[in-house]
mmCIF file of all heavy atoms, coordinates in Angstrom:
data_MODEL
# 
_entry.id   MODEL 
# 
loop_
_atom_site.group_PDB 
_atom_site.id 
_atom_site.type_symbol 
_atom_site.label_atom_id 
_atom_site.label_alt_id 
_atom_site.label_comp_id 
_atom_site.label_asym_id 
_atom_site.label_entity_id 
_atom_site.label_seq_id 
_atom_site.pdbx_PDB_ins_code 
_atom_site.Cartn_x 
_atom_site.Cartn_y 
_atom_site.Cartn_z 
_atom_site.occupancy 
_atom_site.B_iso_or_equiv 
_atom_site.pdbx_formal_charge 
_atom_site.auth_seq_id 
_atom_site.auth_comp_id 
_atom_site.auth_asym_id 
_atom_site.auth_atom_id 
_atom_site.pdbx_PDB_model_num 
ATOM 1   N N   . PHE A 1 1  ? -2.163 -70.418 -143.873 1.00 0.00 ? 1  PHE A N   1 
ATOM 2   C CA  . PHE A 1 1  ? -0.844 -71.038 -143.532 1.00 0.00 ? 1  PHE A CA  1 
ATOM 3   C C   . PHE A 1 1  ? -0.412 -71.807 -144.802 1.00 0.00 ? 1  PHE A C   1 
ATOM 4   O O   . PHE A 1 1  ? 0.708  -71.804 -145.134 1.00 0.00 ? 1  PHE A O   1 
ATOM 5   C CB  . PHE A 1 1  ? -1.073 -71.997 -142.430 1.00 0.00 ? 1  PHE A CB  1 
ATOM 6   C CG  . PHE A 1 1  ? 0.150  -72.841 -142.101 1.00 0.00 ? 1  PHE A CG  1 
ATOM 7   C CD1 . PHE A 1 1  ? 1.238  -72.379 -141.369 1.00 0.00 ? 1  PHE A CD1 1 
ATOM 8   C CD2 . PHE A 1 1  ? 0.229  -74.168 -142.516 1.00 0.00 ? 1  PHE A CD2 1 
ATOM 9   C CE1 . PHE A 1 1  ? 2.325  -73.224 -141.278 1.00 0.00 ? 1  PHE A CE1 1 
ATOM 10  C CE2 . PHE A 1 1  ? 1.282  -75.042 -142.378 1.00 0.00 ? 1  PHE A CE2 1 
ATOM 11  C CZ  . PHE A 1 1  ? 2.383  -74.483 -141.597 1.00 0.00 ? 1  PHE A CZ  1 
ATOM 12  N N   . ASN A 1 2  ? -1.337 -72.483 -145.465 1.00 0.00 ? 2  ASN A N   1 
ATOM 13  C CA  . ASN A 1 2  ? -0.929 -73.261 -146.689 1.00 0.00 ? 2  ASN A CA  1 
ATOM 14  C C   . ASN A 1 2  ? -0.418 -72.403 -147.745 1.00 0.00 ? 2  ASN A C   1 
ATOM 15  O O   . ASN A 1 2  ? 0.550  -72.676 -148.409 1.00 0.00 ? 2  ASN A O   1 
ATOM 16  C CB  . ASN A 1 2  ? -2.189 -74.117 -147.186 1.00 0.00 ? 2  ASN A CB  1 
ATOM 17  C CG  . ASN A 1 2  ? -2.569 -75.216 -146.289 1.00 0.00 ? 2  ASN A CG  1 
ATOM 18  O OD1 . ASN A 1 2  ? -1.815 -75.536 -145.402 1.00 0.00 ? 2  ASN A OD1 1 
ATOM 19  N ND2 . ASN A 1 2  ? -3.722 -75.745 -146.379 1.00 0.00 ? 2  ASN A ND2 1 
ATOM 20  N N   . ALA A 1 3  ? -1.212 -71.215 -147.998 1.00 0.00 ? 3  ALA A N   1 
ATOM 21  C CA  . ALA A 1 3  ? -0.712 -70.366 -149.047 1.00 0.00 ? 3  ALA A CA  1 
ATOM 22  C C   . ALA A 1 3  ? 0.607  -69.713 -148.756 1.00 0.00 ? 3  ALA A C   1 
ATOM 23  O O   . ALA A 1 3  ? 1.356  -69.586 -149.709 1.00 0.00 ? 3  ALA A O   1 
ATOM 24  C CB  . ALA A 1 3  ? -1.820 -69.223 -149.246 1.00 0.00 ? 3  ALA A CB  1 
ATOM 25  N N   . LEU A 1 4  ? 0.874  -69.296 -147.520 1.00 0.00 ? 4  LEU A N   1 
ATOM 26  C CA  . LEU A 1 4  ? 2.140  -68.712 -147.062 1.00 0.00 ? 4  LEU A CA  1 
ATOM 27  C C   . LEU A 1 4  ? 3.268  -69.759 -147.295 1.00 0.00 ? 4  LEU A C   1 
ATOM 28  O O   . LEU A 1 4  ? 4.332  -69.350 -147.693 1.00 0.00 ? 4  LEU A O   1 
ATOM 29  C CB  . LEU A 1 4  ? 1.999  -68.092 -145.753 1.00 0.00 ? 4  LEU A CB  1 
ATOM 30  C CG  . LEU A 1 4  ? 3.167  -67.211 -145.194 1.00 0.00 ? 4  LEU A CG  1 
ATOM 31  C CD1 . LEU A 1 4  ? 3.369  -66.063 -146.280 1.00 0.00 ? 4  LEU A CD1 1 
ATOM 32  C CD2 . LEU A 1 4  ? 2.910  -66.579 -143.939 1.00 0.00 ? 4  LEU A CD2 1 
ATOM 33  N N   . LYS A 1 5  ? 2.930  -70.962 -146.809 1.00 0.00 ? 5  LYS A N   1 
ATOM 34  C CA  . LYS A 1 5  ? 4.017  -71.945 -146.892 1.00 0.00 ? 5  LYS A CA  1 
ATOM 35  C C   . LYS A 1 5  ? 4.373  -72.256 -148.375 1.00 0.00 ? 5  LYS A C   1 
ATOM 36  O O   . LYS A 1 5  ? 5.516  -72.379 -148.818 1.00 0.00 ? 5  LYS A O   1 
ATOM 37  C CB  . LYS A 1 5  ? 3.542  -73.213 -146.253 1.00 0.00 ? 5  LYS A CB  1 
ATOM 38  C CG  . LYS A 1 5  ? 4.545  -74.360 -146.163 1.00 0.00 ? 5  LYS A CG  1 
ATOM 39  C CD  . LYS A 1 5  ? 3.987  -75.547 -145.393 1.00 0.00 ? 5  LYS A CD  1 
ATOM 40  C CE  . LYS A 1 5  ? 4.905  -76.768 -145.461 1.00 0.00 ? 5  LYS A CE  1 
ATOM 41  N NZ  . LYS A 1 5  ? 4.344  -77.902 -144.688 1.00 0.00 ? 5  LYS A NZ  1 
ATOM 42  N N   . GLY A 1 6  ? 3.321  -72.425 -149.305 1.00 0.00 ? 6  GLY A N   1 
ATOM 43  C CA  . GLY A 1 6  ? 3.454  -72.638 -150.680 1.00 0.00 ? 6  GLY A CA  1 
ATOM 44  C C   . GLY A 1 6  ? 4.250  -71.469 -151.336 1.00 0.00 ? 6  GLY A C   1 
ATOM 45  O O   . GLY A 1 6  ? 4.956  -71.670 -152.253 1.00 0.00 ? 6  GLY A O   1 
ATOM 46  N N   . ALA A 1 7  ? 3.949  -70.214 -150.817 1.00 0.00 ? 7  ALA A N   1 
ATOM 47  C CA  . ALA A 1 7  ? 4.566  -69.075 -151.532 1.00 0.00 ? 7  ALA A CA  1 
ATOM 48  C C   . ALA A 1 7  ? 6.176  -69.135 -151.427 1.00 0.00 ? 7  ALA A C   1 
ATOM 49  O O   . ALA A 1 7  ? 6.821  -68.584 -152.336 1.00 0.00 ? 7  ALA A O   1 
ATOM 50  C CB  . ALA A 1 7  ? 4.055  -67.714 -150.751 1.00 0.00 ? 7  ALA A CB  1 
ATOM 51  N N   . LEU A 1 8  ? 6.615  -69.773 -150.351 1.00 0.00 ? 8  LEU A N   1 
ATOM 52  C CA  . LEU A 1 8  ? 8.099  -69.820 -150.252 1.00 0.00 ? 8  LEU A CA  1 
ATOM 53  C C   . LEU A 1 8  ? 8.685  -70.595 -151.488 1.00 0.00 ? 8  LEU A C   1 
ATOM 54  O O   . LEU A 1 8  ? 9.983  -70.357 -151.832 1.00 0.00 ? 8  LEU A O   1 
ATOM 55  C CB  . LEU A 1 8  ? 8.524  -70.663 -148.994 1.00 0.00 ? 8  LEU A CB  1 
ATOM 56  C CG  . LEU A 1 8  ? 8.084  -69.852 -147.713 1.00 0.00 ? 8  LEU A CG  1 
ATOM 57  C CD1 . LEU A 1 8  ? 8.444  -70.752 -146.507 1.00 0.00 ? 8  LEU A CD1 1 
ATOM 58  C CD2 . LEU A 1 8  ? 8.872  -68.564 -147.571 1.00 0.00 ? 8  LEU A CD2 1 
ATOM 59  N N   . ARG A 1 9  ? 7.928  -71.421 -152.186 1.00 0.00 ? 9  ARG A N   1 
ATOM 60  C CA  . ARG A 1 9  ? 8.324  -72.168 -153.414 1.00 0.00 ? 9  ARG A CA  1 
ATOM 61  C C   . ARG A 1 9  ? 8.070  -71.499 -154.722 1.00 0.00 ? 9  ARG A C   1 
ATOM 62  O O   . ARG A 1 9  ? 8.168  -72.045 -155.689 1.00 0.00 ? 9  ARG A O   1 
ATOM 63  C CB  . ARG A 1 9  ? 7.908  -73.622 -153.324 1.00 0.00 ? 9  ARG A CB  1 
ATOM 64  C CG  . ARG A 1 9  ? 8.341  -74.431 -152.100 1.00 0.00 ? 9  ARG A CG  1 
ATOM 65  C CD  . ARG A 1 9  ? 7.913  -75.810 -152.195 1.00 0.00 ? 9  ARG A CD  1 
ATOM 66  N NE  . ARG A 1 9  ? 6.435  -76.049 -152.254 1.00 0.00 ? 9  ARG A NE  1 
ATOM 67  C CZ  . ARG A 1 9  ? 5.776  -76.082 -151.120 1.00 0.00 ? 9  ARG A CZ  1 
ATOM 68  N NH1 . ARG A 1 9  ? 6.354  -76.220 -149.896 1.00 0.00 ? 9  ARG A NH1 1 
ATOM 69  N NH2 . ARG A 1 9  ? 4.419  -76.308 -151.053 1.00 0.00 ? 9  ARG A NH2 1 
ATOM 70  N N   . GLN A 1 10 ? 7.422  -70.222 -154.588 1.00 0.00 ? 10 GLN A N   1 
ATOM 71  C CA  . GLN A 1 10 ? 6.980  -69.531 -155.757 1.00 0.00 ? 10 GLN A CA  1 
ATOM 72  C C   . GLN A 1 10 ? 7.801  -68.354 -156.202 1.00 0.00 ? 10 GLN A C   1 
ATOM 73  O O   . GLN A 1 10 ? 7.346  -67.465 -156.780 1.00 0.00 ? 10 GLN A O   1 
ATOM 74  C CB  . GLN A 1 10 ? 5.458  -69.190 -155.620 1.00 0.00 ? 10 GLN A CB  1 
ATOM 75  C CG  . GLN A 1 10 ? 4.597  -70.486 -155.520 1.00 0.00 ? 10 GLN A CG  1 
ATOM 76  C CD  . GLN A 1 10 ? 3.378  -70.301 -154.739 1.00 0.00 ? 10 GLN A CD  1 
ATOM 77  O OE1 . GLN A 1 10 ? 2.959  -69.283 -154.365 1.00 0.00 ? 10 GLN A OE1 1 
ATOM 78  N NE2 . GLN A 1 10 ? 2.679  -71.488 -154.365 1.00 0.00 ? 10 GLN A NE2 1 
ATOM 79  N N   . ASP A 1 11 ? 9.042  -68.344 -155.738 1.00 0.00 ? 11 ASP A N   1 
ATOM 80  C CA  . ASP A 1 11 ? 10.027 -67.341 -156.125 1.00 0.00 ? 11 ASP A CA  1 
ATOM 81  C C   . ASP A 1 11 ? 9.520  -65.865 -155.892 1.00 0.00 ? 11 ASP A C   1 
ATOM 82  O O   . ASP A 1 11 ? 9.475  -65.064 -156.706 1.00 0.00 ? 11 ASP A O   1 
ATOM 83  C CB  . ASP A 1 11 ? 10.368 -67.420 -157.559 1.00 0.00 ? 11 ASP A CB  1 
ATOM 84  C CG  . ASP A 1 11 ? 11.401 -66.500 -158.002 1.00 0.00 ? 11 ASP A CG  1 
ATOM 85  O OD1 . ASP A 1 11 ? 12.386 -66.162 -157.169 1.00 0.00 ? 11 ASP A OD1 1 
ATOM 86  O OD2 . ASP A 1 11 ? 11.444 -65.972 -159.148 1.00 0.00 ? 11 ASP A OD2 1 
ATOM 87  N N   . PRO A 1 12 ? 8.990  -65.696 -154.585 1.00 0.00 ? 12 PRO A N   1 
ATOM 88  C CA  . PRO A 1 12 ? 8.465  -64.305 -154.303 1.00 0.00 ? 12 PRO A CA  1 
ATOM 89  C C   . PRO A 1 12 ? 9.583  -63.410 -153.821 1.00 0.00 ? 12 PRO A C   1 
ATOM 90  O O   . PRO A 1 12 ? 10.613 -63.846 -153.239 1.00 0.00 ? 12 PRO A O   1 
ATOM 91  C CB  . PRO A 1 12 ? 7.483  -64.638 -153.128 1.00 0.00 ? 12 PRO A CB  1 
ATOM 92  C CG  . PRO A 1 12 ? 8.204  -65.677 -152.367 1.00 0.00 ? 12 PRO A CG  1 
ATOM 93  C CD  . PRO A 1 12 ? 8.858  -66.517 -153.404 1.00 0.00 ? 12 PRO A CD  1 
ATOM 94  N N   . ASP A 1 13 ? 9.409  -62.096 -154.018 1.00 0.00 ? 13 ASP A N   1 
ATOM 95  C CA  . ASP A 1 13 ? 10.246 -61.083 -153.330 1.00 0.00 ? 13 ASP A CA  1 
ATOM 96  C C   . ASP A 1 13 ? 9.593  -60.554 -152.119 1.00 0.00 ? 13 ASP A C   1 
ATOM 97  O O   . ASP A 1 13 ? 10.175 -60.184 -151.150 1.00 0.00 ? 13 ASP A O   1 
ATOM 98  C CB  . ASP A 1 13 ? 10.709 -59.905 -154.310 1.00 0.00 ? 13 ASP A CB  1 
ATOM 99  C CG  . ASP A 1 13 ? 11.426 -60.414 -155.478 1.00 0.00 ? 13 ASP A CG  1 
ATOM 100 O OD1 . ASP A 1 13 ? 12.597 -60.728 -155.234 1.00 0.00 ? 13 ASP A OD1 1 
ATOM 101 O OD2 . ASP A 1 13 ? 10.841 -60.558 -156.634 1.00 0.00 ? 13 ASP A OD2 1 
ATOM 102 N N   . MET A 1 14 ? 8.250  -60.464 -152.239 1.00 0.00 ? 14 MET A N   1 
ATOM 103 C CA  . MET A 1 14 ? 7.519  -59.927 -151.099 1.00 0.00 ? 14 MET A CA  1 
ATOM 104 C C   . MET A 1 14 ? 6.097  -60.527 -150.939 1.00 0.00 ? 14 MET A C   1 
ATOM 105 O O   . MET A 1 14 ? 5.558  -61.000 -151.919 1.00 0.00 ? 14 MET A O   1 
ATOM 106 C CB  . MET A 1 14 ? 7.209  -58.370 -151.266 1.00 0.00 ? 14 MET A CB  1 
ATOM 107 C CG  . MET A 1 14 ? 6.519  -57.636 -150.091 1.00 0.00 ? 14 MET A CG  1 
ATOM 108 S SD  . MET A 1 14 ? 4.860  -57.582 -150.528 1.00 0.00 ? 14 MET A SD  1 
ATOM 109 C CE  . MET A 1 14 ? 4.362  -56.355 -149.154 1.00 0.00 ? 14 MET A CE  1 
ATOM 110 N N   . MET A 1 15 ? 5.790  -60.924 -149.757 1.00 0.00 ? 15 MET A N   1 
ATOM 111 C CA  . MET A 1 15 ? 4.486  -61.674 -149.376 1.00 0.00 ? 15 MET A CA  1 
ATOM 112 C C   . MET A 1 15 ? 3.666  -60.824 -148.491 1.00 0.00 ? 15 MET A C   1 
ATOM 113 O O   . MET A 1 15 ? 4.220  -60.206 -147.547 1.00 0.00 ? 15 MET A O   1 
ATOM 114 C CB  . MET A 1 15 ? 4.693  -62.943 -148.804 1.00 0.00 ? 15 MET A CB  1 
ATOM 115 C CG  . MET A 1 15 ? 5.353  -63.998 -149.763 1.00 0.00 ? 15 MET A CG  1 
ATOM 116 S SD  . MET A 1 15 ? 5.852  -65.537 -148.982 1.00 0.00 ? 15 MET A SD  1 
ATOM 117 C CE  . MET A 1 15 ? 7.459  -64.975 -148.365 1.00 0.00 ? 15 MET A CE  1 
ATOM 118 N N   . LEU A 1 16 ? 2.345  -60.622 -148.814 1.00 0.00 ? 16 LEU A N   1 
ATOM 119 C CA  . LEU A 1 16 ? 1.448  -60.008 -147.934 1.00 0.00 ? 16 LEU A CA  1 
ATOM 120 C C   . LEU A 1 16 ? 0.397  -60.885 -147.391 1.00 0.00 ? 16 LEU A C   1 
ATOM 121 O O   . LEU A 1 16 ? -0.173 -61.572 -148.104 1.00 0.00 ? 16 LEU A O   1 
ATOM 122 C CB  . LEU A 1 16 ? 0.757  -58.839 -148.713 1.00 0.00 ? 16 LEU A CB  1 
ATOM 123 C CG  . LEU A 1 16 ? -0.249 -57.954 -147.882 1.00 0.00 ? 16 LEU A CG  1 
ATOM 124 C CD1 . LEU A 1 16 ? -0.235 -56.500 -148.319 1.00 0.00 ? 16 LEU A CD1 1 
ATOM 125 C CD2 . LEU A 1 16 ? -1.644 -58.386 -147.884 1.00 0.00 ? 16 LEU A CD2 1 
ATOM 126 N N   . VAL A 1 17 ? 0.385  -60.899 -146.039 1.00 0.00 ? 17 VAL A N   1 
ATOM 127 C CA  . VAL A 1 17 ? -0.614 -61.751 -145.326 1.00 0.00 ? 17 VAL A CA  1 
ATOM 128 C C   . VAL A 1 17 ? -1.690 -60.860 -144.826 1.00 0.00 ? 17 VAL A C   1 
ATOM 129 O O   . VAL A 1 17 ? -1.474 -60.030 -143.970 1.00 0.00 ? 17 VAL A O   1 
ATOM 130 C CB  . VAL A 1 17 ? -0.015 -62.616 -144.202 1.00 0.00 ? 17 VAL A CB  1 
ATOM 131 C CG1 . VAL A 1 17 ? -0.915 -63.510 -143.629 1.00 0.00 ? 17 VAL A CG1 1 
ATOM 132 C CG2 . VAL A 1 17 ? 1.326  -63.239 -144.662 1.00 0.00 ? 17 VAL A CG2 1 
ATOM 133 N N   . GLY A 1 18 ? -2.913 -61.023 -145.386 1.00 0.00 ? 18 GLY A N   1 
ATOM 134 C CA  . GLY A 1 18 ? -4.051 -60.127 -144.898 1.00 0.00 ? 18 GLY A CA  1 
ATOM 135 C C   . GLY A 1 18 ? -4.163 -60.184 -143.465 1.00 0.00 ? 18 GLY A C   1 
ATOM 136 O O   . GLY A 1 18 ? -4.564 -58.989 -142.905 1.00 0.00 ? 18 GLY A O   1 
ATOM 137 N N   . GLU A 1 19 ? -4.070 -61.128 -142.770 1.00 0.00 ? 19 GLU A N   1 
ATOM 138 C CA  . GLU A 1 19 ? -4.245 -61.145 -141.284 1.00 0.00 ? 19 GLU A CA  1 
ATOM 139 C C   . GLU A 1 19 ? -3.433 -62.280 -140.663 1.00 0.00 ? 19 GLU A C   1 
ATOM 140 O O   . GLU A 1 19 ? -3.599 -63.401 -141.118 1.00 0.00 ? 19 GLU A O   1 
ATOM 141 C CB  . GLU A 1 19 ? -5.702 -61.316 -140.862 1.00 0.00 ? 19 GLU A CB  1 
ATOM 142 C CG  . GLU A 1 19 ? -5.981 -61.192 -139.451 1.00 0.00 ? 19 GLU A CG  1 
ATOM 143 C CD  . GLU A 1 19 ? -7.413 -61.208 -139.105 1.00 0.00 ? 19 GLU A CD  1 
ATOM 144 O OE1 . GLU A 1 19 ? -8.243 -61.146 -140.018 1.00 0.00 ? 19 GLU A OE1 1 
ATOM 145 O OE2 . GLU A 1 19 ? -7.740 -61.415 -137.977 1.00 0.00 ? 19 GLU A OE2 1 
ATOM 146 N N   . ILE A 1 20 ? -2.601 -62.001 -139.632 1.00 0.00 ? 20 ILE A N   1 
ATOM 147 C CA  . ILE A 1 20 ? -1.872 -62.936 -138.936 1.00 0.00 ? 20 ILE A CA  1 
ATOM 148 C C   . ILE A 1 20 ? -2.690 -63.335 -137.746 1.00 0.00 ? 20 ILE A C   1 
ATOM 149 O O   . ILE A 1 20 ? -2.936 -62.586 -136.799 1.00 0.00 ? 20 ILE A O   1 
ATOM 150 C CB  . ILE A 1 20 ? -0.464 -62.454 -138.518 1.00 0.00 ? 20 ILE A CB  1 
ATOM 151 C CG1 . ILE A 1 20 ? 0.411  -62.152 -139.850 1.00 0.00 ? 20 ILE A CG1 1 
ATOM 152 C CG2 . ILE A 1 20 ? 0.160  -63.445 -137.592 1.00 0.00 ? 20 ILE A CG2 1 
ATOM 153 C CD1 . ILE A 1 20 ? 1.678  -61.598 -139.473 1.00 0.00 ? 20 ILE A CD1 1 
ATOM 154 N N   . ARG A 1 21 ? -3.260 -64.638 -137.813 1.00 0.00 ? 21 ARG A N   1 
ATOM 155 C CA  . ARG A 1 21 ? -4.284 -64.978 -136.792 1.00 0.00 ? 21 ARG A CA  1 
ATOM 156 C C   . ARG A 1 21 ? -3.687 -65.935 -135.666 1.00 0.00 ? 21 ARG A C   1 
ATOM 157 O O   . ARG A 1 21 ? -4.400 -65.996 -134.696 1.00 0.00 ? 21 ARG A O   1 
ATOM 158 C CB  . ARG A 1 21 ? -5.496 -65.623 -137.481 1.00 0.00 ? 21 ARG A CB  1 
ATOM 159 C CG  . ARG A 1 21 ? -6.148 -64.732 -138.605 1.00 0.00 ? 21 ARG A CG  1 
ATOM 160 C CD  . ARG A 1 21 ? -7.070 -65.510 -139.330 1.00 0.00 ? 21 ARG A CD  1 
ATOM 161 N NE  . ARG A 1 21 ? -7.978 -64.725 -140.191 1.00 0.00 ? 21 ARG A NE  1 
ATOM 162 C CZ  . ARG A 1 21 ? -8.897 -65.118 -141.074 1.00 0.00 ? 21 ARG A CZ  1 
ATOM 163 N NH1 . ARG A 1 21 ? -9.219 -66.457 -141.056 1.00 0.00 ? 21 ARG A NH1 1 
ATOM 164 N NH2 . ARG A 1 21 ? -9.526 -64.262 -141.819 1.00 0.00 ? 21 ARG A NH2 1 
ATOM 165 N N   . ASP A 1 22 ? -2.784 -66.717 -135.939 1.00 0.00 ? 22 ASP A N   1 
ATOM 166 C CA  . ASP A 1 22 ? -2.382 -67.737 -135.099 1.00 0.00 ? 22 ASP A CA  1 
ATOM 167 C C   . ASP A 1 22 ? -0.870 -67.976 -135.101 1.00 0.00 ? 22 ASP A C   1 
ATOM 168 O O   . ASP A 1 22 ? -0.145 -67.482 -135.982 1.00 0.00 ? 22 ASP A O   1 
ATOM 169 C CB  . ASP A 1 22 ? -3.087 -69.083 -135.361 1.00 0.00 ? 22 ASP A CB  1 
ATOM 170 C CG  . ASP A 1 22 ? -3.009 -69.464 -136.854 1.00 0.00 ? 22 ASP A CG  1 
ATOM 171 O OD1 . ASP A 1 22 ? -1.887 -69.286 -137.402 1.00 0.00 ? 22 ASP A OD1 1 
ATOM 172 O OD2 . ASP A 1 22 ? -4.050 -69.796 -137.537 1.00 0.00 ? 22 ASP A OD2 1 
ATOM 173 N N   . LYS A 1 23 ? -0.394 -68.790 -134.234 1.00 0.00 ? 23 LYS A N   1 
ATOM 174 C CA  . LYS A 1 23 ? 1.087  -69.040 -134.119 1.00 0.00 ? 23 LYS A CA  1 
ATOM 175 C C   . LYS A 1 23 ? 1.636  -69.759 -135.227 1.00 0.00 ? 23 LYS A C   1 
ATOM 176 O O   . LYS A 1 23 ? 2.770  -69.526 -135.602 1.00 0.00 ? 23 LYS A O   1 
ATOM 177 C CB  . LYS A 1 23 ? 1.431  -69.703 -132.822 1.00 0.00 ? 23 LYS A CB  1 
ATOM 178 C CG  . LYS A 1 23 ? 1.237  -71.265 -132.768 1.00 0.00 ? 23 LYS A CG  1 
ATOM 179 C CD  . LYS A 1 23 ? 1.791  -71.666 -131.465 1.00 0.00 ? 23 LYS A CD  1 
ATOM 180 C CE  . LYS A 1 23 ? 1.883  -73.190 -131.465 1.00 0.00 ? 23 LYS A CE  1 
ATOM 181 N NZ  . LYS A 1 23 ? 2.621  -73.686 -130.220 1.00 0.00 ? 23 LYS A NZ  1 
ATOM 182 N N   . GLU A 1 24 ? 0.821  -70.524 -136.014 1.00 0.00 ? 24 GLU A N   1 
ATOM 183 C CA  . GLU A 1 24 ? 1.308  -71.206 -137.206 1.00 0.00 ? 24 GLU A CA  1 
ATOM 184 C C   . GLU A 1 24 ? 1.628  -70.180 -138.294 1.00 0.00 ? 24 GLU A C   1 
ATOM 185 O O   . GLU A 1 24 ? 2.646  -70.262 -138.975 1.00 0.00 ? 24 GLU A O   1 
ATOM 186 C CB  . GLU A 1 24 ? 0.351  -72.214 -137.757 1.00 0.00 ? 24 GLU A CB  1 
ATOM 187 C CG  . GLU A 1 24 ? 0.207  -73.470 -136.749 1.00 0.00 ? 24 GLU A CG  1 
ATOM 188 C CD  . GLU A 1 24 ? -0.616 -73.335 -135.605 1.00 0.00 ? 24 GLU A CD  1 
ATOM 189 O OE1 . GLU A 1 24 ? -1.256 -72.279 -135.487 1.00 0.00 ? 24 GLU A OE1 1 
ATOM 190 O OE2 . GLU A 1 24 ? -0.556 -74.176 -134.647 1.00 0.00 ? 24 GLU A OE2 1 
ATOM 191 N N   . THR A 1 25 ? 0.682  -69.257 -138.413 1.00 0.00 ? 25 THR A N   1 
ATOM 192 C CA  . THR A 1 25 ? 0.936  -68.223 -139.489 1.00 0.00 ? 25 THR A CA  1 
ATOM 193 C C   . THR A 1 25 ? 2.150  -67.299 -139.109 1.00 0.00 ? 25 THR A C   1 
ATOM 194 O O   . THR A 1 25 ? 2.918  -66.974 -139.957 1.00 0.00 ? 25 THR A O   1 
ATOM 195 C CB  . THR A 1 25 ? -0.366 -67.387 -139.673 1.00 0.00 ? 25 THR A CB  1 
ATOM 196 O OG1 . THR A 1 25 ? -1.422 -68.170 -139.807 1.00 0.00 ? 25 THR A OG1 1 
ATOM 197 C CG2 . THR A 1 25 ? -0.182 -66.440 -140.811 1.00 0.00 ? 25 THR A CG2 1 
ATOM 198 N N   . VAL A 1 26 ? 2.289  -66.978 -137.839 1.00 0.00 ? 26 VAL A N   1 
ATOM 199 C CA  . VAL A 1 26 ? 3.330  -66.165 -137.295 1.00 0.00 ? 26 VAL A CA  1 
ATOM 200 C C   . VAL A 1 26 ? 4.639  -66.911 -137.638 1.00 0.00 ? 26 VAL A C   1 
ATOM 201 O O   . VAL A 1 26 ? 5.636  -66.367 -138.110 1.00 0.00 ? 26 VAL A O   1 
ATOM 202 C CB  . VAL A 1 26 ? 3.269  -65.865 -135.880 1.00 0.00 ? 26 VAL A CB  1 
ATOM 203 C CG1 . VAL A 1 26 ? 4.496  -65.221 -135.284 1.00 0.00 ? 26 VAL A CG1 1 
ATOM 204 C CG2 . VAL A 1 26 ? 2.091  -64.912 -135.661 1.00 0.00 ? 26 VAL A CG2 1 
# 
């Protein structure tokens, strides 16, 4: 969750999440 949230501020075009485990990550 922390990494995905932080990635929004890191100018990504595409993000890969190894595993969506919970509703926060979803």
